[in-house]
Full PDB file with SEQRES, HELIX, SHEET, SSBOND, CRYST1, ORIGX, SCALE, CONECT and MASTER records, all heavy atoms in Angstrom:
SEQRES   1 A   29  GLU PRO SER VAL ASP ARG PRO ALA ASP LEU ALA ASP GLN          
SEQRES   2 A   29  VAL ALA GLY VAL PRO ALA VAL GLY ALA GLY ALA LEU LEU          
SEQRES   3 A   29  TYR ASP THR                                                  
HELIX    1 AA1 PRO A    7  VAL A   14  1                                   8    
HELIX    2 AA2 ALA A   22  LEU A   26  1                                   5    
CRYST1    1.000    1.000    1.000  90.00  90.00  90.00 P 1           1          
ORIGX1      1.000000  0.000000  0.000000        0.00000                         
ORIGX2      0.000000  1.000000  0.000000        0.00000                         
ORIGX3      0.000000  0.000000  1.000000        0.00000                         
SCALE1      1.000000  0.000000  0.000000        0.00000                         
SCALE2      0.000000  1.000000  0.000000        0.00000                         
SCALE3      0.000000  0.000000  1.000000        0.00000                         
ATOM      1  N   GLU A   1       0.844  -1.181   0.000  1.00  0.00           N  
ATOM      2  CA  GLU A   1       0.000   0.000   0.000  1.00  0.00           C  
ATOM      3  C   GLU A   1       0.893   1.250   0.000  1.00  0.00           C  
ATOM      4  O   GLU A   1       1.990   1.223   0.556  1.00  0.00           O  
ATOM      5  CB  GLU A   1      -0.907   0.020   1.233  1.00  0.00           C  
ATOM      6  CG  GLU A   1      -1.982  -1.062   1.219  1.00  0.00           C  
ATOM      7  CD  GLU A   1      -2.919  -0.920   0.048  1.00  0.00           C  
ATOM      8  OE1 GLU A   1      -3.356   0.213  -0.250  1.00  0.00           O  
ATOM      9  OE2 GLU A   1      -3.215  -1.949  -0.598  1.00  0.00           O  
ATOM     10  N   PRO A   2       0.449   2.328  -0.613  1.00  0.00           N  
ATOM     11  CA  PRO A   2       1.239   3.563  -0.567  1.00  0.00           C  
ATOM     12  C   PRO A   2       1.446   4.027   0.868  1.00  0.00           C  
ATOM     13  O   PRO A   2       0.563   3.887   1.714  1.00  0.00           O  
ATOM     14  CB  PRO A   2       0.375   4.557  -1.350  1.00  0.00           C  
ATOM     15  CG  PRO A   2      -0.498   3.714  -2.210  1.00  0.00           C  
ATOM     16  CD  PRO A   2      -0.774   2.483  -1.422  1.00  0.00           C  
ATOM     17  N   SER A   3       2.619   4.595   1.121  1.00  0.00           N  
ATOM     18  CA  SER A   3       2.961   5.080   2.454  1.00  0.00           C  
ATOM     19  C   SER A   3       3.627   6.443   2.338  1.00  0.00           C  
ATOM     20  O   SER A   3       4.095   6.836   1.270  1.00  0.00           O  
ATOM     21  CB  SER A   3       3.922   4.116   3.161  1.00  0.00           C  
ATOM     22  OG  SER A   3       3.351   2.839   3.312  1.00  0.00           O  
ATOM     23  N   VAL A   4       3.686   7.153   3.472  1.00  0.00           N  
ATOM     24  CA  VAL A   4       4.447   8.404   3.537  1.00  0.00           C  
ATOM     25  C   VAL A   4       5.457   8.273   4.670  1.00  0.00           C  
ATOM     26  O   VAL A   4       5.098   7.907   5.791  1.00  0.00           O  
ATOM     27  CB  VAL A   4       3.527   9.628   3.743  1.00  0.00           C  
ATOM     28  CG1 VAL A   4       2.687   9.516   4.998  1.00  0.00           C  
ATOM     29  CG2 VAL A   4       4.339  10.919   3.746  1.00  0.00           C  
ATOM     30  N   ASP A   5       6.733   8.514   4.357  1.00  0.00           N  
ATOM     31  CA  ASP A   5       7.805   8.315   5.332  1.00  0.00           C  
ATOM     32  C   ASP A   5       8.945   9.283   5.058  1.00  0.00           C  
ATOM     33  O   ASP A   5       9.085   9.823   3.952  1.00  0.00           O  
ATOM     34  CB  ASP A   5       8.358   6.886   5.245  1.00  0.00           C  
ATOM     35  CG  ASP A   5       7.382   5.842   5.746  1.00  0.00           C  
ATOM     36  OD1 ASP A   5       7.144   5.781   6.966  1.00  0.00           O  
ATOM     37  OD2 ASP A   5       6.839   5.085   4.907  1.00  0.00           O  
ATOM     38  N   ARG A   6       9.791   9.456   6.067  1.00  0.00           N  
ATOM     39  CA  ARG A   6      11.039  10.193   5.869  1.00  0.00           C  
ATOM     40  C   ARG A   6      12.028   9.273   5.149  1.00  0.00           C  
ATOM     41  O   ARG A   6      12.159   8.096   5.508  1.00  0.00           O  
ATOM     42  CB  ARG A   6      11.607  10.635   7.212  1.00  0.00           C  
ATOM     43  CG  ARG A   6      10.792  11.721   7.895  1.00  0.00           C  
ATOM     44  CD  ARG A   6      11.474  12.218   9.154  1.00  0.00           C  
ATOM     45  NE  ARG A   6      10.718  13.318   9.750  1.00  0.00           N  
ATOM     46  CZ  ARG A   6      10.857  14.591   9.391  1.00  0.00           C  
ATOM     47  NH1 ARG A   6      11.738  14.905   8.456  1.00  0.00           N  
ATOM     48  NH2 ARG A   6      10.133  15.526   9.962  1.00  0.00           N  
ATOM     49  N   PRO A   7      12.715   9.779   4.148  1.00  0.00           N  
ATOM     50  CA  PRO A   7      13.646   8.930   3.395  1.00  0.00           C  
ATOM     51  C   PRO A   7      14.653   8.201   4.280  1.00  0.00           C  
ATOM     52  O   PRO A   7      14.945   7.022   4.045  1.00  0.00           O  
ATOM     53  CB  PRO A   7      14.339   9.925   2.458  1.00  0.00           C  
ATOM     54  CG  PRO A   7      13.328  10.997   2.268  1.00  0.00           C  
ATOM     55  CD  PRO A   7      12.629  11.134   3.580  1.00  0.00           C  
ATOM     56  N   ALA A   8      15.167   8.875   5.308  1.00  0.00           N  
ATOM     57  CA  ALA A   8      16.169   8.237   6.164  1.00  0.00           C  
ATOM     58  C   ALA A   8      15.635   6.980   6.827  1.00  0.00           C  
ATOM     59  O   ALA A   8      16.388   6.034   7.085  1.00  0.00           O  
ATOM     60  CB  ALA A   8      16.651   9.219   7.227  1.00  0.00           C  
ATOM     61  N   ASP A   9      14.330   6.939   7.078  1.00  0.00           N  
ATOM     62  CA  ASP A   9      13.725   5.770   7.716  1.00  0.00           C  
ATOM     63  C   ASP A   9      13.597   4.593   6.757  1.00  0.00           C  
ATOM     64  O   ASP A   9      13.285   3.478   7.183  1.00  0.00           O  
ATOM     65  CB  ASP A   9      12.346   6.123   8.273  1.00  0.00           C  
ATOM     66  CG  ASP A   9      12.419   7.161   9.390  1.00  0.00           C  
ATOM     67  OD1 ASP A   9      13.491   7.284  10.017  1.00  0.00           O  
ATOM     68  OD2 ASP A   9      11.408   7.851   9.619  1.00  0.00           O  
ATOM     69  N   LEU A  10      13.810   4.860   5.452  1.00  0.00           N  
ATOM     70  CA  LEU A  10      13.647   3.817   4.437  1.00  0.00           C  
ATOM     71  C   LEU A  10      14.984   3.284   3.923  1.00  0.00           C  
ATOM     72  O   LEU A  10      14.997   2.386   3.090  1.00  0.00           O  
ATOM     73  CB  LEU A  10      12.866   4.372   3.238  1.00  0.00           C  
ATOM     74  CG  LEU A  10      11.511   4.998   3.523  1.00  0.00           C  
ATOM     75  CD1 LEU A  10      10.947   5.606   2.244  1.00  0.00           C  
ATOM     76  CD2 LEU A  10      10.554   3.963   4.088  1.00  0.00           C  
ATOM     77  N   ALA A  11      16.070   3.842   4.406  1.00  0.00           N  
ATOM     78  CA  ALA A  11      17.372   3.564   3.808  1.00  0.00           C  
ATOM     79  C   ALA A  11      17.670   2.075   3.680  1.00  0.00           C  
ATOM     80  O   ALA A  11      18.123   1.607   2.629  1.00  0.00           O  
ATOM     81  CB  ALA A  11      18.473   4.254   4.618  1.00  0.00           C  
ATOM     82  N   ASP A  12      17.418   1.308   4.729  1.00  0.00           N  
ATOM     83  CA  ASP A  12      17.722  -0.120   4.690  1.00  0.00           C  
ATOM     84  C   ASP A  12      16.826  -0.871   3.718  1.00  0.00           C  
ATOM     85  O   ASP A  12      17.222  -1.915   3.188  1.00  0.00           O  
ATOM     86  CB  ASP A  12      17.573  -0.731   6.089  1.00  0.00           C  
ATOM     87  CG  ASP A  12      18.630  -0.227   7.061  1.00  0.00           C  
ATOM     88  OD1 ASP A  12      19.662   0.294   6.584  1.00  0.00           O  
ATOM     89  OD2 ASP A  12      18.425  -0.342   8.284  1.00  0.00           O  
ATOM     90  N   GLN A  13      15.625  -0.341   3.453  1.00  0.00           N  
ATOM     91  CA  GLN A  13      14.667  -1.035   2.592  1.00  0.00           C  
ATOM     92  C   GLN A  13      14.874  -0.753   1.108  1.00  0.00           C  
ATOM     93  O   GLN A  13      14.572  -1.597   0.266  1.00  0.00           O  
ATOM     94  CB  GLN A  13      13.235  -0.630   2.960  1.00  0.00           C  
ATOM     95  CG  GLN A  13      12.838  -0.927   4.389  1.00  0.00           C  
ATOM     96  CD  GLN A  13      11.422  -0.488   4.661  1.00  0.00           C  
ATOM     97  OE1 GLN A  13      10.474  -0.953   4.024  1.00  0.00           O  
ATOM     98  NE2 GLN A  13      11.247   0.426   5.610  1.00  0.00           N  
ATOM     99  N   VAL A  14      15.386   0.454   0.788  1.00  0.00           N  
ATOM    100  CA  VAL A  14      15.423   0.858  -0.620  1.00  0.00           C  
ATOM    101  C   VAL A  14      16.833   1.010  -1.187  1.00  0.00           C  
ATOM    102  O   VAL A  14      16.985   1.232  -2.391  1.00  0.00           O  
ATOM    103  CB  VAL A  14      14.643   2.174  -0.817  1.00  0.00           C  
ATOM    104  CG1 VAL A  14      13.210   2.037  -0.345  1.00  0.00           C  
ATOM    105  CG2 VAL A  14      15.337   3.340  -0.106  1.00  0.00           C  
ATOM    106  N   ALA A  15      17.851   0.901  -0.369  1.00  0.00           N  
ATOM    107  CA  ALA A  15      19.220   1.069  -0.868  1.00  0.00           C  
ATOM    108  C   ALA A  15      19.512   0.062  -1.974  1.00  0.00           C  
ATOM    109  O   ALA A  15      19.350  -1.144  -1.792  1.00  0.00           O  
ATOM    110  CB  ALA A  15      20.224   0.911   0.270  1.00  0.00           C  
ATOM    111  N   GLY A  16      19.911   0.562  -3.112  1.00  0.00           N  
ATOM    112  CA  GLY A  16      20.270  -0.302  -4.233  1.00  0.00           C  
ATOM    113  C   GLY A  16      19.106  -0.842  -5.031  1.00  0.00           C  
ATOM    114  O   GLY A  16      19.305  -1.433  -6.098  1.00  0.00           O  
ATOM    115  N   VAL A  17      17.882  -0.641  -4.557  1.00  0.00           N  
ATOM    116  CA  VAL A  17      16.696  -1.118  -5.273  1.00  0.00           C  
ATOM    117  C   VAL A  17      16.376  -0.144  -6.402  1.00  0.00           C  
ATOM    118  O   VAL A  17      16.386   1.074  -6.185  1.00  0.00           O  
ATOM    119  CB  VAL A  17      15.490  -1.228  -4.315  1.00  0.00           C  
ATOM    120  CG1 VAL A  17      14.244  -1.673  -5.072  1.00  0.00           C  
ATOM    121  CG2 VAL A  17      15.802  -2.178  -3.176  1.00  0.00           C  
ATOM    122  N   PRO A  18      16.097  -0.602  -7.610  1.00  0.00           N  
ATOM    123  CA  PRO A  18      15.701   0.317  -8.673  1.00  0.00           C  
ATOM    124  C   PRO A  18      14.549   1.199  -8.211  1.00  0.00           C  
ATOM    125  O   PRO A  18      13.621   0.726  -7.554  1.00  0.00           O  
ATOM    126  CB  PRO A  18      15.281  -0.610  -9.816  1.00  0.00           C  
ATOM    127  CG  PRO A  18      16.070  -1.859  -9.575  1.00  0.00           C  
ATOM    128  CD  PRO A  18      16.146  -2.001  -8.084  1.00  0.00           C  
ATOM    129  N   ALA A  19      14.614   2.486  -8.541  1.00  0.00           N  
ATOM    130  CA  ALA A  19      13.604   3.430  -8.080  1.00  0.00           C  
ATOM    131  C   ALA A  19      13.354   4.486  -9.144  1.00  0.00           C  
ATOM    132  O   ALA A  19      14.273   4.869  -9.875  1.00  0.00           O  
ATOM    133  CB  ALA A  19      14.046   4.094  -6.776  1.00  0.00           C  
ATOM    134  N   VAL A  20      12.100   4.949  -9.224  1.00  0.00           N  
ATOM    135  CA  VAL A  20      11.740   6.025 -10.141  1.00  0.00           C  
ATOM    136  C   VAL A  20      10.884   7.039  -9.398  1.00  0.00           C  
ATOM    137  O   VAL A  20      10.311   6.746  -8.348  1.00  0.00           O  
ATOM    138  CB  VAL A  20      10.982   5.498 -11.381  1.00  0.00           C  
ATOM    139  CG1 VAL A  20      11.833   4.524 -12.171  1.00  0.00           C  
ATOM    140  CG2 VAL A  20       9.663   4.848 -10.975  1.00  0.00           C  
ATOM    141  N   GLY A  21      10.795   8.242  -9.974  1.00  0.00           N  
ATOM    142  CA  GLY A  21       9.956   9.278  -9.399  1.00  0.00           C  
ATOM    143  C   GLY A  21      10.760  10.422  -8.816  1.00  0.00           C  
ATOM    144  O   GLY A  21      11.943  10.281  -8.483  1.00  0.00           O  
ATOM    145  N   ALA A  22      10.104  11.579  -8.678  1.00  0.00           N  
ATOM    146  CA  ALA A  22      10.772  12.784  -8.194  1.00  0.00           C  
ATOM    147  C   ALA A  22      11.314  12.616  -6.784  1.00  0.00           C  
ATOM    148  O   ALA A  22      12.342  13.189  -6.435  1.00  0.00           O  
ATOM    149  CB  ALA A  22       9.804  13.972  -8.247  1.00  0.00           C  
ATOM    150  N   GLY A  23      10.637  11.839  -5.944  1.00  0.00           N  
ATOM    151  CA  GLY A  23      11.112  11.616  -4.584  1.00  0.00           C  
ATOM    152  C   GLY A  23      12.420  10.852  -4.558  1.00  0.00           C  
ATOM    153  O   GLY A  23      13.326  11.161  -3.764  1.00  0.00           O  
ATOM    154  N   ALA A  24      12.532   9.860  -5.423  1.00  0.00           N  
ATOM    155  CA  ALA A  24      13.772   9.083  -5.503  1.00  0.00           C  
ATOM    156  C   ALA A  24      14.920   9.941  -6.029  1.00  0.00           C  
ATOM    157  O   ALA A  24      16.056   9.844  -5.559  1.00  0.00           O  
ATOM    158  CB  ALA A  24      13.567   7.857  -6.387  1.00  0.00           C  
ATOM    159  N   LEU A  25      14.629  10.807  -6.993  1.00  0.00           N  
ATOM    160  CA  LEU A  25      15.649  11.695  -7.533  1.00  0.00           C  
ATOM    161  C   LEU A  25      16.092  12.726  -6.494  1.00  0.00           C  
ATOM    162  O   LEU A  25      17.273  13.052  -6.393  1.00  0.00           O  
ATOM    163  CB  LEU A  25      15.122  12.414  -8.770  1.00  0.00           C  
ATOM    164  CG  LEU A  25      14.973  11.553 -10.027  1.00  0.00           C  
ATOM    165  CD1 LEU A  25      14.101  12.268 -11.049  1.00  0.00           C  
ATOM    166  CD2 LEU A  25      16.338  11.241 -10.621  1.00  0.00           C  
ATOM    167  N   LEU A  26      15.137  13.217  -5.718  1.00  0.00           N  
ATOM    168  CA  LEU A  26      15.435  14.238  -4.717  1.00  0.00           C  
ATOM    169  C   LEU A  26      16.299  13.687  -3.592  1.00  0.00           C  
ATOM    170  O   LEU A  26      17.169  14.382  -3.070  1.00  0.00           O  
ATOM    171  CB  LEU A  26      14.122  14.789  -4.161  1.00  0.00           C  
ATOM    172  CG  LEU A  26      14.214  15.943  -3.157  1.00  0.00           C  
ATOM    173  CD1 LEU A  26      14.886  17.158  -3.783  1.00  0.00           C  
ATOM    174  CD2 LEU A  26      12.815  16.310  -2.659  1.00  0.00           C  
ATOM    175  N   TYR A  27      16.071  12.422  -3.225  1.00  0.00           N  
ATOM    176  CA  TYR A  27      16.806  11.804  -2.121  1.00  0.00           C  
ATOM    177  C   TYR A  27      17.644  10.635  -2.643  1.00  0.00           C  
ATOM    178  O   TYR A  27      17.529   9.505  -2.176  1.00  0.00           O  
ATOM    179  CB  TYR A  27      15.825  11.338  -1.043  1.00  0.00           C  
ATOM    180  CG  TYR A  27      15.031  12.479  -0.443  1.00  0.00           C  
ATOM    181  CD1 TYR A  27      13.703  12.701  -0.822  1.00  0.00           C  
ATOM    182  CD2 TYR A  27      15.602  13.354   0.475  1.00  0.00           C  
ATOM    183  CE1 TYR A  27      12.968  13.753  -0.281  1.00  0.00           C  
ATOM    184  CE2 TYR A  27      14.879  14.408   1.018  1.00  0.00           C  
ATOM    185  CZ  TYR A  27      13.564  14.600   0.630  1.00  0.00           C  
ATOM    186  OH  TYR A  27      12.844  15.653   1.163  1.00  0.00           O  
ATOM    187  N   ASP A  28      18.493  10.935  -3.622  1.00  0.00           N  
ATOM    188  CA  ASP A  28      19.253   9.868  -4.269  1.00  0.00           C  
ATOM    189  C   ASP A  28      20.365   9.300  -3.399  1.00  0.00           C  
ATOM    190  O   ASP A  28      20.971   8.283  -3.752  1.00  0.00           O  
ATOM    191  CB  ASP A  28      19.805  10.330  -5.612  1.00  0.00           C  
ATOM    192  CG  ASP A  28      20.715  11.551  -5.504  1.00  0.00           C  
ATOM    193  OD1 ASP A  28      20.938  12.046  -4.372  1.00  0.00           O  
ATOM    194  OD2 ASP A  28      21.215  12.012  -6.547  1.00  0.00           O  
ATOM    195  N   THR A  29      20.659   9.926  -2.249  1.00  0.00           N  
ATOM    196  CA  THR A  29      21.618   9.312  -1.334  1.00  0.00           C  
ATOM    197  C   THR A  29      20.964   8.183  -0.546  1.00  0.00           C  
ATOM    198  O   THR A  29      21.660   7.350   0.042  1.00  0.00           O  
ATOM    199  CB  THR A  29      22.176  10.352  -0.344  1.00  0.00           C  
ATOM    200  OG1 THR A  29      21.091  10.944   0.381  1.00  0.00           O  
ATOM    201  CG2 THR A  29      22.955  11.430  -1.083  1.00  0.00           C  
TER     202      THR A  29                                                      
MASTER        0    0    0    2    0    0    0    6  201    1    0    3          
END                                                                             
């Protein structure tokens, strides 16, 4: 389901995973 979170809280879940969208570009670290 869609969620809203701070990027830092997602780091372990999304690091290295292919990603698209303005949010991914904005927080590319």
